[in-house]
Every structure is written in C-alpha cells, then in structure tokens.
C-alpha atoms as a PDB file:
ATOM      1  CA  MET A   1    -139.548 -65.620-103.957  1.00  0.00           C
ATOM      2  CA  VAL A   2    -141.778 -68.305-105.469  1.00  0.00           C
ATOM      3  CA  THR A   3    -145.463 -67.376-105.291  1.00  0.00           C
ATOM      4  CA  PHE A   4    -148.244 -69.769-104.352  1.00  0.00           C
ATOM      5  CA  TYR A   5    -149.483 -69.705-107.961  1.00  0.00           C
ATOM      6  CA  GLU A   6    -146.040 -70.657-109.288  1.00  0.00           C
ATOM      7  CA  LYS A   7    -145.896 -73.552-106.821  1.00  0.00           C
ATOM      8  CA  ILE A   8    -149.256 -74.816-108.069  1.00  0.00           C
ATOM      9  CA  VAL A   9    -148.112 -74.548-111.716  1.00  0.00           C
ATOM     10  CA  ARG A  10    -144.923 -76.480-110.977  1.00  0.00           C
ATOM     11  CA  LEU A  11    -146.878 -79.186-109.153  1.00  0.00           C
ATOM     12  CA  ALA A  12    -149.358 -79.465-112.024  1.00  0.00           C
ATOM     13  CA  ARG A  13    -146.511 -79.838-114.527  1.00  0.00           C
ATOM     14  CA  ARG A  14    -144.869 -82.576-112.439  1.00  0.00           C
ATOM     15  CA  VAL A  15    -148.140 -84.470-112.306  1.00  0.00           C
ATOM     16  CA  ARG A  16    -148.752 -83.979-116.041  1.00  0.00           C
ATOM     17  CA  ASP A  17    -145.276 -85.198-116.969  1.00  0.00           C
ATOM     18  CA  ASP A  18    -145.284 -88.215-114.656  1.00  0.00           C
ATOM     19  CA  ARG A  19    -144.947 -91.366-116.787  1.00  0.00           C
ATOM     20  CA  ALA A  20    -147.761 -93.055-114.877  1.00  0.00           C
ATOM     21  CA  VAL A  21    -150.118 -90.185-115.728  1.00  0.00           C
ATOM     22  CA  ARG A  22    -149.151 -89.913-119.426  1.00  0.00           C
ATOM     23  CA  PRO A  23    -151.698 -92.516-120.677  1.00  0.00           C
ATOM     24  CA  ILE A  24    -154.495 -90.499-119.071  1.00  0.00           C
ATOM     25  CA  VAL A  25    -153.187 -87.226-120.507  1.00  0.00           C
ATOM     26  CA  ARG A  26    -152.852 -88.894-123.917  1.00  0.00           C
ATOM     27  CA  GLU A  27    -156.519 -89.947-123.927  1.00  0.00           C
ATOM     28  CA  VAL A  28    -157.578 -86.447-122.868  1.00  0.00           C
ATOM     29  CA  CYS A  29    -155.479 -84.968-125.683  1.00  0.00           C
ATOM     30  CA  ILE A  30    -157.003 -87.307-128.281  1.00  0.00           C
ATOM     31  CA  ALA A  31    -160.527 -86.428-127.164  1.00  0.00           C
ATOM     32  CA  LEU A  32    -159.865 -82.685-127.179  1.00  0.00           C
ATOM     33  CA  ARG A  33    -158.009 -82.794-130.496  1.00  0.00           C
ATOM     34  CA  ALA A  34    -161.271 -83.712-132.196  1.00  0.00           C
ATOM     35  CA  LEU A  35    -162.508 -80.239-131.222  1.00  0.00           C
ATOM     36  CA  ARG A  36    -159.653 -78.477-133.056  1.00  0.00           C
ATOM     37  CA  PRO A  37    -159.448 -75.522-133.717  1.00  0.00           C
ATOM     38  CA  PHE A  38    -161.646 -74.758-130.721  1.00  0.00           C
ATOM     39  CA  VAL A  39    -158.998 -75.770-128.181  1.00  0.00           C
ATOM     40  CA  PRO A  40    -157.195 -72.502-127.326  1.00  0.00           C
ATOM     41  CA  PRO A  41    -153.370 -72.365-127.155  1.00  0.00           C
ATOM     42  CA  SER A  42    -153.676 -71.393-123.498  1.00  0.00           C
ATOM     43  CA  LEU A  43    -154.841 -74.975-122.933  1.00  0.00           C
ATOM     44  CA  SER A  44    -153.155 -76.969-125.713  1.00  0.00           C
ATOM     45  CA  ASN A  45    -149.705 -75.530-124.910  1.00  0.00           C
ATOM     46  CA  HIS A  46    -149.917 -77.211-121.510  1.00  0.00           C
ATOM     47  CA  LEU A  47    -151.457 -80.503-122.604  1.00  0.00           C
ATOM     48  CA  ILE A  48    -148.391 -82.364-123.811  1.00  0.00           C
ATOM     49  CA  TYR A  49    -149.065 -85.342-126.065  1.00  0.00           C
ATOM     50  CA  HIS A  50    -146.712 -88.336-125.938  1.00  0.00           C
ATOM     51  CA  GLY A  51    -147.009 -90.945-128.653  1.00  0.00           C
ATOM     52  CA  THR A  52    -147.384 -91.413-132.403  1.00  0.00           C
ATOM     53  CA  PHE A  53    -150.003 -89.467-134.348  1.00  0.00           C
ATOM     54  CA  LYS A  54    -150.992 -88.705-137.926  1.00  0.00           C
ATOM     55  CA  THR A  55    -151.239 -85.327-139.602  1.00  0.00           C
ATOM     56  CA  ARG A  56    -152.167 -84.518-143.190  1.00  0.00           C
ATOM     57  CA  VAL A  57    -150.537 -81.958-145.454  1.00  0.00           C
ATOM     58  CA  HIS A  58    -152.985 -79.810-147.395  1.00  0.00           C
ATOM     59  CA  GLY A  59    -152.997 -81.063-150.969  1.00  0.00           C
ATOM     60  CA  GLY A  60    -150.743 -83.991-150.061  1.00  0.00           C
ATOM     61  CA  GLN A  61    -150.543 -87.181-148.062  1.00  0.00           C
ATOM     62  CA  ALA A  62    -150.742 -87.782-144.345  1.00  0.00           C
ATOM     63  CA  PHE A  63    -147.654 -88.728-142.393  1.00  0.00           C
ATOM     64  CA  LEU A  64    -146.980 -90.290-138.999  1.00  0.00           C
ATOM     65  CA  ILE A  65    -144.698 -88.634-136.465  1.00  0.00           C
ATOM     66  CA  HIS A  66    -143.787 -89.583-132.919  1.00  0.00           C
ATOM     67  CA  SER A  67    -143.944 -87.056-130.107  1.00  0.00           C
ATOM     68  CA  THR A  68    -141.747 -87.324-127.035  1.00  0.00           C
ATOM     69  CA  GLY A  69    -143.440 -84.244-125.629  1.00  0.00           C
ATOM     70  CA  SER A  70    -141.336 -81.711-127.510  1.00  0.00           C
ATOM     71  CA  LEU A  71    -142.533 -78.256-128.526  1.00  0.00           C
ATOM     72  CA  VAL A  72    -142.509 -78.912-132.283  1.00  0.00           C
ATOM     73  CA  GLU A  73    -144.419 -82.198-132.226  1.00  0.00           C
ATOM     74  CA  ASN A  74    -146.922 -80.904-129.696  1.00  0.00           C
ATOM     75  CA  ARG A  75    -147.711 -77.950-131.955  1.00  0.00           C
ATOM     76  CA  LEU A  76    -148.241 -80.341-134.858  1.00  0.00           C
ATOM     77  CA  PHE A  77    -150.535 -82.522-132.787  1.00  0.00           C
ATOM     78  CA  TRP A  78    -152.811 -79.642-131.867  1.00  0.00           C
ATOM     79  CA  ARG A  79    -152.547 -77.338-134.896  1.00  0.00           C
ATOM     80  CA  GLY A  80    -151.846 -79.653-137.820  1.00  0.00           C
ATOM     81  CA  TRP A  81    -148.957 -79.738-140.290  1.00  0.00           C
ATOM     82  CA  MET A  82    -148.499 -75.951-140.208  1.00  0.00           C
ATOM     83  CA  GLY A  83    -148.429 -75.839-136.433  1.00  0.00           C
ATOM     84  CA  HIS A  84    -144.703 -75.069-136.349  1.00  0.00           C
ATOM     85  CA  GLU A  85    -143.097 -72.333-138.472  1.00  0.00           C
ATOM     86  CA  PRO A  86    -146.100 -71.952-140.805  1.00  0.00           C
ATOM     87  CA  GLU A  87    -144.386 -69.065-142.595  1.00  0.00           C
ATOM     88  CA  SER A  88    -141.690 -71.521-143.736  1.00  0.00           C
ATOM     89  CA  VAL A  89    -143.430 -74.867-144.190  1.00  0.00           C
ATOM     90  CA  ARG A  90    -146.035 -73.464-146.598  1.00  0.00           C
ATOM     91  CA  PRO A  91    -143.538 -72.203-149.208  1.00  0.00           C
ATOM     92  CA  TRP A  92    -141.338 -75.254-148.531  1.00  0.00           C
ATOM     93  CA  ALA A  93    -144.290 -77.455-149.448  1.00  0.00           C
ATOM     94  CA  GLY A  94    -144.905 -75.415-152.604  1.00  0.00           C
ATOM     95  CA  ILE A  95    -141.369 -75.898-153.938  1.00  0.00           C
ATOM     96  CA  SER A  96    -141.251 -79.532-152.750  1.00  0.00           C
ATOM     97  CA  LYS A  97    -144.099 -80.353-155.129  1.00  0.00           C
ATOM     98  CA  ILE A  98    -141.926 -79.517-158.152  1.00  0.00           C
ATOM     99  CA  SER A  99    -138.603 -80.864-156.825  1.00  0.00           C
ATOM    100  CA  ARG A 100    -136.837 -84.150-157.496  1.00  0.00           C
ATOM    101  CA  VAL A 101    -134.181 -84.091-154.742  1.00  0.00           C
ATOM    102  CA  ALA A 102    -134.179 -82.148-151.466  1.00  0.00           C
ATOM    103  CA  PHE A 103    -131.608 -81.815-148.674  1.00  0.00           C
ATOM    104  CA  ASP A 104    -132.775 -81.182-145.107  1.00  0.00           C
ATOM    105  CA  ILE A 105    -129.613 -79.938-143.360  1.00  0.00           C
ATOM    106  CA  GLY A 106    -130.104 -79.746-139.618  1.00  0.00           C
ATOM    107  CA  ALA A 107    -133.159 -81.985-139.946  1.00  0.00           C
ATOM    108  CA  ASN A 108    -133.789 -82.488-136.230  1.00  0.00           C
ATOM    109  CA  THR A 109    -136.678 -84.980-135.971  1.00  0.00           C
ATOM    110  CA  GLY A 110    -137.613 -84.600-139.644  1.00  0.00           C
ATOM    111  CA  LEU A 111    -140.568 -82.229-139.963  1.00  0.00           C
ATOM    112  CA  TYR A 112    -139.376 -80.641-143.231  1.00  0.00           C
ATOM    113  CA  SER A 113    -138.335 -84.010-144.684  1.00  0.00           C
ATOM    114  CA  LEU A 114    -141.750 -85.482-143.899  1.00  0.00           C
ATOM    115  CA  ILE A 115    -143.635 -82.504-145.344  1.00  0.00           C
ATOM    116  CA  ALA A 116    -141.610 -82.611-148.575  1.00  0.00           C
ATOM    117  CA  SER A 117    -142.335 -86.324-148.950  1.00  0.00           C
ATOM    118  CA  ALA A 118    -146.023 -85.907-148.144  1.00  0.00           C
ATOM    119  CA  CYS A 119    -146.269 -83.226-150.856  1.00  0.00           C
ATOM    120  CA  ASN A 120    -144.436 -85.217-153.517  1.00  0.00           C
ATOM    121  CA  SER A 121    -144.384 -89.015-153.513  1.00  0.00           C
ATOM    122  CA  LYS A 122    -141.473 -89.062-155.985  1.00  0.00           C
ATOM    123  CA  ILE A 123    -139.128 -86.672-154.197  1.00  0.00           C
ATOM    124  CA  GLN A 124    -135.866 -88.059-152.804  1.00  0.00           C
ATOM    125  CA  VAL A 125    -134.905 -86.473-149.478  1.00  0.00           C
ATOM    126  CA  HIS A 126    -131.538 -86.611-147.733  1.00  0.00           C
ATOM    127  CA  ALA A 127    -131.809 -85.593-144.066  1.00  0.00           C
ATOM    128  CA  PHE A 128    -128.632 -84.597-142.188  1.00  0.00           C
ATOM    129  CA  GLU A 129    -128.655 -84.571-138.358  1.00  0.00           C
ATOM    130  CA  PRO A 130    -125.467 -84.790-136.232  1.00  0.00           C
ATOM    131  CA  VAL A 131    -126.865 -85.166-132.678  1.00  0.00           C
ATOM    132  CA  PRO A 132    -126.983 -88.938-132.027  1.00  0.00           C
ATOM    133  CA  ARG A 133    -130.145 -89.051-129.875  1.00  0.00           C
ATOM    134  CA  ILE A 134    -131.990 -86.710-132.253  1.00  0.00           C
ATOM    135  CA  ALA A 135    -130.839 -88.711-135.277  1.00  0.00           C
ATOM    136  CA  GLU A 136    -132.432 -91.776-133.656  1.00  0.00           C
ATOM    137  CA  MET A 137    -135.742 -89.885-133.329  1.00  0.00           C
ATOM    138  CA  LEU A 138    -135.411 -88.836-136.969  1.00  0.00           C
ATOM    139  CA  LYS A 139    -134.852 -92.438-138.046  1.00  0.00           C
ATOM    140  CA  ARG A 140    -137.898 -93.545-136.060  1.00  0.00           C
ATOM    141  CA  ASN A 141    -140.089 -90.973-137.827  1.00  0.00           C
ATOM    142  CA  VAL A 142    -138.707 -92.041-141.210  1.00  0.00           C
ATOM    143  CA  ASN A 143    -139.410 -95.691-140.390  1.00  0.00           C
ATOM    144  CA  LEU A 144    -143.000 -94.785-139.490  1.00  0.00           C
ATOM    145  CA  ASN A 145    -143.461 -93.700-143.123  1.00  0.00           C
ATOM    146  CA  PRO A 146    -141.894 -96.506-145.196  1.00  0.00           C
ATOM    147  CA  SER A 147    -143.297 -95.257-148.511  1.00  0.00           C
ATOM    148  CA  PHE A 148    -141.342 -91.987-148.196  1.00  0.00           C
ATOM    149  CA  ARG A 149    -137.946 -91.822-149.926  1.00  0.00           C
ATOM    150  CA  ILE A 150    -135.984 -90.297-147.046  1.00  0.00           C
ATOM    151  CA  GLN A 151    -132.379 -91.230-146.297  1.00  0.00           C
ATOM    152  CA  VAL A 152    -130.900 -90.232-142.938  1.00  0.00           C
ATOM    153  CA  HIS A 153    -127.247 -89.203-142.549  1.00  0.00           C
ATOM    154  CA  GLN A 154    -125.958 -88.858-138.984  1.00  0.00           C
ATOM    155  CA  ALA A 155    -123.530 -86.073-139.785  1.00  0.00           C
ATOM    156  CA  ALA A 156    -123.046 -82.327-139.664  1.00  0.00           C
ATOM    157  CA  VAL A 157    -122.600 -80.289-142.835  1.00  0.00           C
ATOM    158  CA  GLY A 158    -119.877 -77.700-143.286  1.00  0.00           C
ATOM    159  CA  ALA A 159    -117.326 -76.087-145.555  1.00  0.00           C
ATOM    160  CA  THR A 160    -115.096 -79.166-145.721  1.00  0.00           C
ATOM    161  CA  SER A 161    -115.503 -82.870-145.038  1.00  0.00           C
ATOM    162  CA  GLY A 162    -113.810 -84.374-141.997  1.00  0.00           C
ATOM    163  CA  GLU A 163    -114.454 -84.317-138.259  1.00  0.00           C
ATOM    164  CA  SER A 164    -115.291 -81.532-135.819  1.00  0.00           C
ATOM    165  CA  ARG A 165    -116.657 -81.069-132.305  1.00  0.00           C
ATOM    166  CA  LEU A 166    -120.360 -80.575-131.786  1.00  0.00           C
ATOM    167  CA  PHE A 167    -121.421 -78.488-128.786  1.00  0.00           C
ATOM    168  CA  ASP A 168    -124.589 -79.898-127.239  1.00  0.00           C
ATOM    169  CA  PRO A 169    -126.791 -78.035-124.711  1.00  0.00           C
ATOM    170  CA  GLY A 170    -128.242 -81.367-123.544  1.00  0.00           C
ATOM    171  CA  GLY A 171    -131.834 -82.356-122.869  1.00  0.00           C
ATOM    172  CA  GLU A 172    -133.910 -85.075-124.468  1.00  0.00           C
ATOM    173  CA  VAL A 173    -134.885 -82.678-127.254  1.00  0.00           C
ATOM    174  CA  CYS A 174    -132.235 -80.392-128.714  1.00  0.00           C
ATOM    175  CA  TYR A 175    -132.709 -77.388-131.005  1.00  0.00           C
ATOM    176  CA  SER A 176    -129.419 -75.524-130.431  1.00  0.00           C
ATOM    177  CA  ALA A 177    -126.518 -77.936-130.956  1.00  0.00           C
ATOM    178  CA  SER A 178    -123.841 -76.317-133.107  1.00  0.00           C
ATOM    179  CA  LEU A 179    -120.289 -76.653-134.363  1.00  0.00           C
ATOM    180  CA  ASN A 180    -119.955 -73.039-133.188  1.00  0.00           C
ATOM    181  CA  ALA A 181    -118.845 -73.116-129.534  1.00  0.00           C
ATOM    182  CA  THR A 182    -119.983 -69.517-128.982  1.00  0.00           C
ATOM    183  CA  PHE A 183    -123.508 -69.959-130.310  1.00  0.00           C
ATOM    184  CA  PHE A 184    -125.063 -71.065-127.000  1.00  0.00           C
ATOM    185  CA  PRO A 185    -123.966 -69.558-123.666  1.00  0.00           C
ATOM    186  CA  LYS A 186    -123.671 -72.880-121.823  1.00  0.00           C
ATOM    187  CA  TRP A 187    -123.053 -76.337-123.258  1.00  0.00           C
ATOM    188  CA  GLN A 188    -123.627 -79.549-121.352  1.00  0.00           C
ATOM    189  CA  CYS A 189    -121.123 -81.526-123.424  1.00  0.00           C
ATOM    190  CA  SER A 190    -119.215 -81.706-126.685  1.00  0.00           C
ATOM    191  CA  TYR A 191    -118.127 -84.656-128.793  1.00  0.00           C
ATOM    192  CA  PRO A 192    -116.641 -85.401-132.218  1.00  0.00           C
ATOM    193  CA  VAL A 193    -118.973 -85.738-135.191  1.00  0.00           C
ATOM    194  CA  ARG A 194    -118.573 -86.478-138.869  1.00  0.00           C
ATOM    195  CA  VAL A 195    -118.775 -83.413-141.125  1.00  0.00           C
ATOM    196  CA  LEU A 196    -119.693 -83.502-144.811  1.00  0.00           C
ATOM    197  CA  SER A 197    -119.414 -80.832-147.464  1.00  0.00           C
ATOM    198  CA  ILE A 198    -122.266 -80.927-149.954  1.00  0.00           C
ATOM    199  CA  ASP A 199    -119.877 -80.738-152.920  1.00  0.00           C
ATOM    200  CA  ASP A 200    -118.094 -83.878-151.665  1.00  0.00           C
ATOM    201  CA  PHE A 201    -121.393 -85.576-150.883  1.00  0.00           C
ATOM    202  CA  MET A 202    -122.741 -84.918-154.376  1.00  0.00           C
ATOM    203  CA  LYS A 203    -119.621 -86.411-155.940  1.00  0.00           C
ATOM    204  CA  ALA A 204    -119.662 -89.462-153.643  1.00  0.00           C
ATOM    205  CA  THR A 205    -123.321 -90.257-154.247  1.00  0.00           C
ATOM    206  CA  SER A 206    -123.408 -89.399-157.960  1.00  0.00           C
ATOM    207  CA  LEU A 207    -126.687 -87.537-157.525  1.00  0.00           C
ATOM    208  CA  LYS A 208    -127.815 -85.987-160.809  1.00  0.00           C
ATOM    209  CA  ALA A 209    -130.001 -83.270-159.318  1.00  0.00           C
ATOM    210  CA  LEU A 210    -130.504 -81.078-156.267  1.00  0.00           C
ATOM    211  CA  ASP A 211    -133.536 -78.801-156.369  1.00  0.00           C
ATOM    212  CA  LEU A 212    -134.257 -77.774-152.792  1.00  0.00           C
ATOM    213  CA  VAL A 213    -132.164 -77.271-149.635  1.00  0.00           C
ATOM    214  CA  LYS A 214    -133.073 -76.269-146.089  1.00  0.00           C
ATOM    215  CA  VAL A 215    -130.172 -75.126-143.902  1.00  0.00           C
ATOM    216  CA  ASP A 216    -130.672 -74.789-140.136  1.00  0.00           C
ATOM    217  CA  VAL A 217    -127.225 -75.080-138.521  1.00  0.00           C
ATOM    218  CA  GLU A 218    -127.269 -72.448-135.769  1.00  0.00           C
ATOM    219  CA  SER A 219    -125.193 -69.563-137.189  1.00  0.00           C
ATOM    220  CA  LEU A 220    -122.964 -71.606-139.555  1.00  0.00           C
ATOM    221  CA  GLU A 221    -125.090 -71.327-142.686  1.00  0.00           C
ATOM    222  CA  GLU A 222    -122.239 -69.593-144.493  1.00  0.00           C
ATOM    223  CA  SER A 223    -119.968 -72.601-143.921  1.00  0.00           C
ATOM    224  CA  VAL A 224    -122.579 -74.879-145.465  1.00  0.00           C
ATOM    225  CA  LEU A 225    -122.801 -72.624-148.531  1.00  0.00           C
ATOM    226  CA  GLU A 226    -119.021 -72.548-148.844  1.00  0.00           C
ATOM    227  CA  GLY A 227    -119.051 -76.324-148.997  1.00  0.00           C
ATOM    228  CA  MET A 228    -121.630 -76.397-151.782  1.00  0.00           C
ATOM    229  CA  THR A 229    -120.230 -73.742-154.128  1.00  0.00           C
ATOM    230  CA  GLN A 230    -119.976 -76.100-157.100  1.00  0.00           C
ATOM    231  CA  THR A 231    -123.350 -77.655-156.343  1.00  0.00           C
ATOM    232  CA  ILE A 232    -125.051 -74.251-156.378  1.00  0.00           C
ATOM    233  CA  GLN A 233    -123.390 -73.337-159.671  1.00  0.00           C
ATOM    234  CA  ILE A 234    -124.365 -76.612-161.351  1.00  0.00           C
ATOM    235  CA  HIS A 235    -127.793 -77.418-159.883  1.00  0.00           C
ATOM    236  CA  ARG A 236    -129.089 -74.011-158.677  1.00  0.00           C
ATOM    237  CA  PRO A 237    -131.262 -75.312-155.820  1.00  0.00           C
ATOM    238  CA  ALA A 238    -133.769 -73.193-153.942  1.00  0.00           C
ATOM    239  CA  LEU A 239    -132.344 -72.377-150.497  1.00  0.00           C
ATOM    240  CA  PHE A 240    -134.281 -72.024-147.236  1.00  0.00           C
ATOM    241  CA  LEU A 241    -131.997 -70.382-144.650  1.00  0.00           C
ATOM    242  CA  GLU A 242    -131.995 -68.891-141.189  1.00  0.00           C
ATOM    243  CA  LEU A 243    -130.695 -65.330-140.946  1.00  0.00           C
ATOM    244  CA  ILE A 244    -130.190 -64.667-137.261  1.00  0.00           C
ATOM    245  CA  PRO A 245    -128.297 -61.897-135.434  1.00  0.00           C
ATOM    246  CA  LYS A 246    -125.249 -64.188-135.078  1.00  0.00           C
ATOM    247  CA  SER A 247    -125.115 -64.753-138.843  1.00  0.00           C
ATOM    248  CA  GLY A 248    -122.171 -62.726-140.110  1.00  0.00           C
ATOM    249  CA  ASP A 249    -122.375 -59.792-142.509  1.00  0.00           C
ATOM    250  CA  SER A 250    -120.297 -61.824-144.951  1.00  0.00           C
ATOM    251  CA  LEU A 251    -123.263 -64.194-145.304  1.00  0.00           C
ATOM    252  CA  ILE A 252    -125.465 -61.229-146.271  1.00  0.00           C
ATOM    253  CA  ARG A 253    -122.933 -60.219-148.911  1.00  0.00           C
ATOM    254  CA  LYS A 254    -122.715 -63.785-150.226  1.00  0.00           C
ATOM    255  CA  LEU A 255    -126.480 -64.026-150.584  1.00  0.00           C
ATOM    256  CA  GLN A 256    -126.592 -60.633-152.286  1.00  0.00           C
ATOM    257  CA  SER A 257    -124.018 -61.810-154.821  1.00  0.00           C
ATOM    258  CA  MET A 258    -126.277 -64.783-155.608  1.00  0.00           C
ATOM    259  CA  CYS A 259    -129.043 -62.346-156.511  1.00  0.00           C
ATOM    260  CA  HIS A 260    -126.835 -61.201-159.402  1.00  0.00           C
ATOM    261  CA  THR A 261    -126.916 -64.732-160.842  1.00  0.00           C
ATOM    262  CA  GLY A 262    -130.673 -65.056-161.285  1.00  0.00           C
ATOM    263  CA  TYR A 263    -131.642 -65.850-157.692  1.00  0.00           C
ATOM    264  CA  ARG A 264    -134.584 -64.019-156.118  1.00  0.00           C
ATOM    265  CA  PHE A 265    -134.678 -63.176-152.402  1.00  0.00           C
ATOM    266  CA  PHE A 266    -137.761 -63.590-150.216  1.00  0.00           C
ATOM    267  CA  HIS A 267    -138.606 -62.863-146.593  1.00  0.00           C
ATOM    268  CA  LEU A 268    -140.980 -65.377-145.030  1.00  0.00           C
ATOM    269  CA  ALA A 269    -143.516 -63.398-143.036  1.00  0.00           C
ATOM    270  CA  GLU A 270    -146.232 -65.000-140.946  1.00  0.00           C
ATOM    271  CA  SER A 271    -149.001 -64.586-143.506  1.00  0.00           C
ATOM    272  CA  ARG A 272    -147.192 -64.080-146.829  1.00  0.00           C
ATOM    273  CA  VAL A 273    -143.970 -64.289-148.817  1.00  0.00           C
ATOM    274  CA  ILE A 274    -142.334 -60.908-149.423  1.00  0.00           C
ATOM    275  CA  GLU A 275    -139.820 -60.377-152.219  1.00  0.00           C
ATOM    276  CA  SER A 276    -136.965 -57.931-151.754  1.00  0.00           C
ATOM    277  CA  LYS A 277    -134.334 -56.753-154.221  1.00  0.00           C
ATOM    278  CA  CYS A 278    -131.854 -56.271-151.387  1.00  0.00           C
ATOM    279  CA  VAL A 279    -130.781 -59.037-149.002  1.00  0.00           C
ATOM    280  CA  SER A 280    -131.369 -57.973-145.417  1.00  0.00           C
ATOM    281  CA  ARG A 281    -132.010 -59.557-142.062  1.00  0.00           C
ATOM    282  CA  PRO A 282    -135.686 -60.349-141.516  1.00  0.00           C
ATOM    283  CA  THR A 283    -137.614 -58.565-138.812  1.00  0.00           C
ATOM    284  CA  ALA A 284    -140.787 -60.642-138.531  1.00  0.00           C
ATOM    285  CA  SER A 285    -139.217 -64.094-139.020  1.00  0.00           C
ATOM    286  CA  LYS A 286    -135.684 -65.495-139.047  1.00  0.00           C
ATOM    287  CA  ASN A 287    -136.245 -67.546-142.221  1.00  0.00           C
ATOM    288  CA  VAL A 288    -135.553 -66.451-145.791  1.00  0.00           C
ATOM    289  CA  VAL A 289    -135.537 -68.061-149.236  1.00  0.00           C
ATOM    290  CA  LEU A 290    -133.235 -67.654-152.204  1.00  0.00           C
ATOM    291  CA  CYS A 291    -134.831 -69.205-155.237  1.00  0.00           C
ATOM    292  CA  PRO A 292    -133.694 -69.193-158.867  1.00  0.00           C
ATOM    293  CA  GLU A 293    -136.161 -67.607-161.242  1.00  0.00           C
ATOM    294  CA  GLU A 294    -136.759 -70.950-162.942  1.00  0.00           C
ATOM    295  CA  ARG A 295    -137.759 -72.681-159.664  1.00  0.00           C
ATOM    296  CA  VAL A 296    -140.256 -70.131-158.327  1.00  0.00           C
ATOM    297  CA  PRO A 297    -143.599 -71.985-158.377  1.00  0.00           C
ATOM    298  CA  PRO A 298    -146.804 -70.303-159.590  1.00  0.00           C
ATOM    299  CA  GLY A 299    -148.468 -68.314-156.814  1.00  0.00           C
ATOM    300  CA  PHE A 300    -145.363 -68.396-154.604  1.00  0.00           C
ATOM    301  CA  LEU A 301    -145.820 -64.794-153.474  1.00  0.00           C
ATOM    302  CA  ASN A 302    -149.335 -65.646-152.350  1.00  0.00           C
ATOM    303  CA  LYS A 303    -148.191 -68.448-150.042  1.00  0.00           C
END
C-alpha cells in the first residue's frame, strides 16, 4: 500500500521533472551550487540539473559536460569532477598525466575521457561506446570541448572483430547494456552492433603507443583482454577494470598471470589505493588497476 508520504514524494518528483518547470529548477540549482559543499546530498540528490555546465579537474583544465538529468552528471554538477567514482577517477587522472594514448572502453557519456584530456592536453583518447543514443551524448560532450583530442567509436569491444547483439535495458540513460544476455534480468530490446578487438584496431589505425585503458563492459572484461593479447605484450598499458560477482574466475587467473610479467595489482578503495600481491575480488569497490611497474606514477599509493 502506498503511504501518504510516498504519494507526496512521487508528486514532487513529477513536478520537478516536468519540462516546463526545468528552467526554474535549473536556476535554483545554479544558485545553490555556489554554496557547495554546504548543500547536503539529502537535498542535492533530489535537485536534478538539466543543461551544460563546467567542472575543473584539480591540477588540470576545466571541461564542459551536458546533463540530461542522469545520476553521473548530477553528481558532477554538485560535487565536482570527483563526484562520481572518486576512488577510480583520482588514480585515473594520475596515470593520464603521464600517458600518450588512452582507450576508454565502455565510455558511456565520456567522463573518463574528459578527465584524461583535462589532465593532459597532449593525450590522445579513443572512446568506445556501442549504445547509439549514449554514443550521441558522448559525441555532444566531446564537441563541447573542441581542444580535447578525443575520438569517438560507436562500437563494442570484444575478443574478435565482427558483429554481435547488444542487450539494452532501455531508458534515456543506460549503464547496463551488455553483449552478455544474462547480465541484466530484463532487457527492453536487443540489436546488432559492430564489435572491435583492440589488437585489430591497433593494426588498422597504426597507433604507436597505448599507455592507459579503462574497461567497463558489464561482465565481459575477459573478452576485451582476450582481444588485446598482443597489444598488452607490446605496449603494456595500465588497465582499469571492473571486477564484479559475474566476472568469471578465469578472469582472476588471467590477471594473476599478468602479475608474473611485471604488472602490479591495486584495489581502489574510497580513500586510498591498496596494493595486493594476490588478485582478488574487491570488497569496498568494484574497480581495480593492473599497472606495469614502469607506469606507476610517483605517489600513486597515496591517491
């Protein structure tokens, strides 16, 4: 049974999200944002900003990003560049500063691509996003920052190049689309998408370097690594990965084998980076890093 309080909350949300009311909410958000960090999450989480805004990376440039009212962009609006996944974006920024080429695989609307570019004006970023409507949002954010060297590829990444079906949960914003039909309990639709292997992509583009890779592909991280075996051997990039319960044990074993080739393994906790000699699933955060000894930046463990 719906309580009176729940009815009031639902009504308030409908009013807040009404397109006619959005300009008023936007002005309220802009006024309150000036008081940051004194606006508590209990308020900012419910004040949804729609529109383009600027945020500055500590020690780097500012970048523009457009918010359609999604969770990620709203966190950035209220909390700054580390508003979403701070345990990951801080070390990502640290390695971006000393990288020449970065791949953002499963880029969504481009947060990691934008942060890398804001940290390093010379870095070349390739952002891969297969969901058509999300890829359009990604392109819009890239176009808002014309000085950044970001190239968007509307494609999935996997073990082999070709075509596969992408399973899409729907919604204007999408964080759970996957080539794995069992990843999400209920899909709204599926459709064919182009799939690239990183080894094939490197050969086709004649890139001479790859220093940094983020992989967020909803349980198929191992497939991405299989498709970049030669690239890892030749270029030894730092790898930011999700290790979630649906990630297979074979992925754990693969990452452990990389630690025997000079890679170091790190858990990304909320307040610090924790090194471990043994690859294991994280408990505090789903994100981990494998970084070759030669790419670990000074002070990385203090990030």
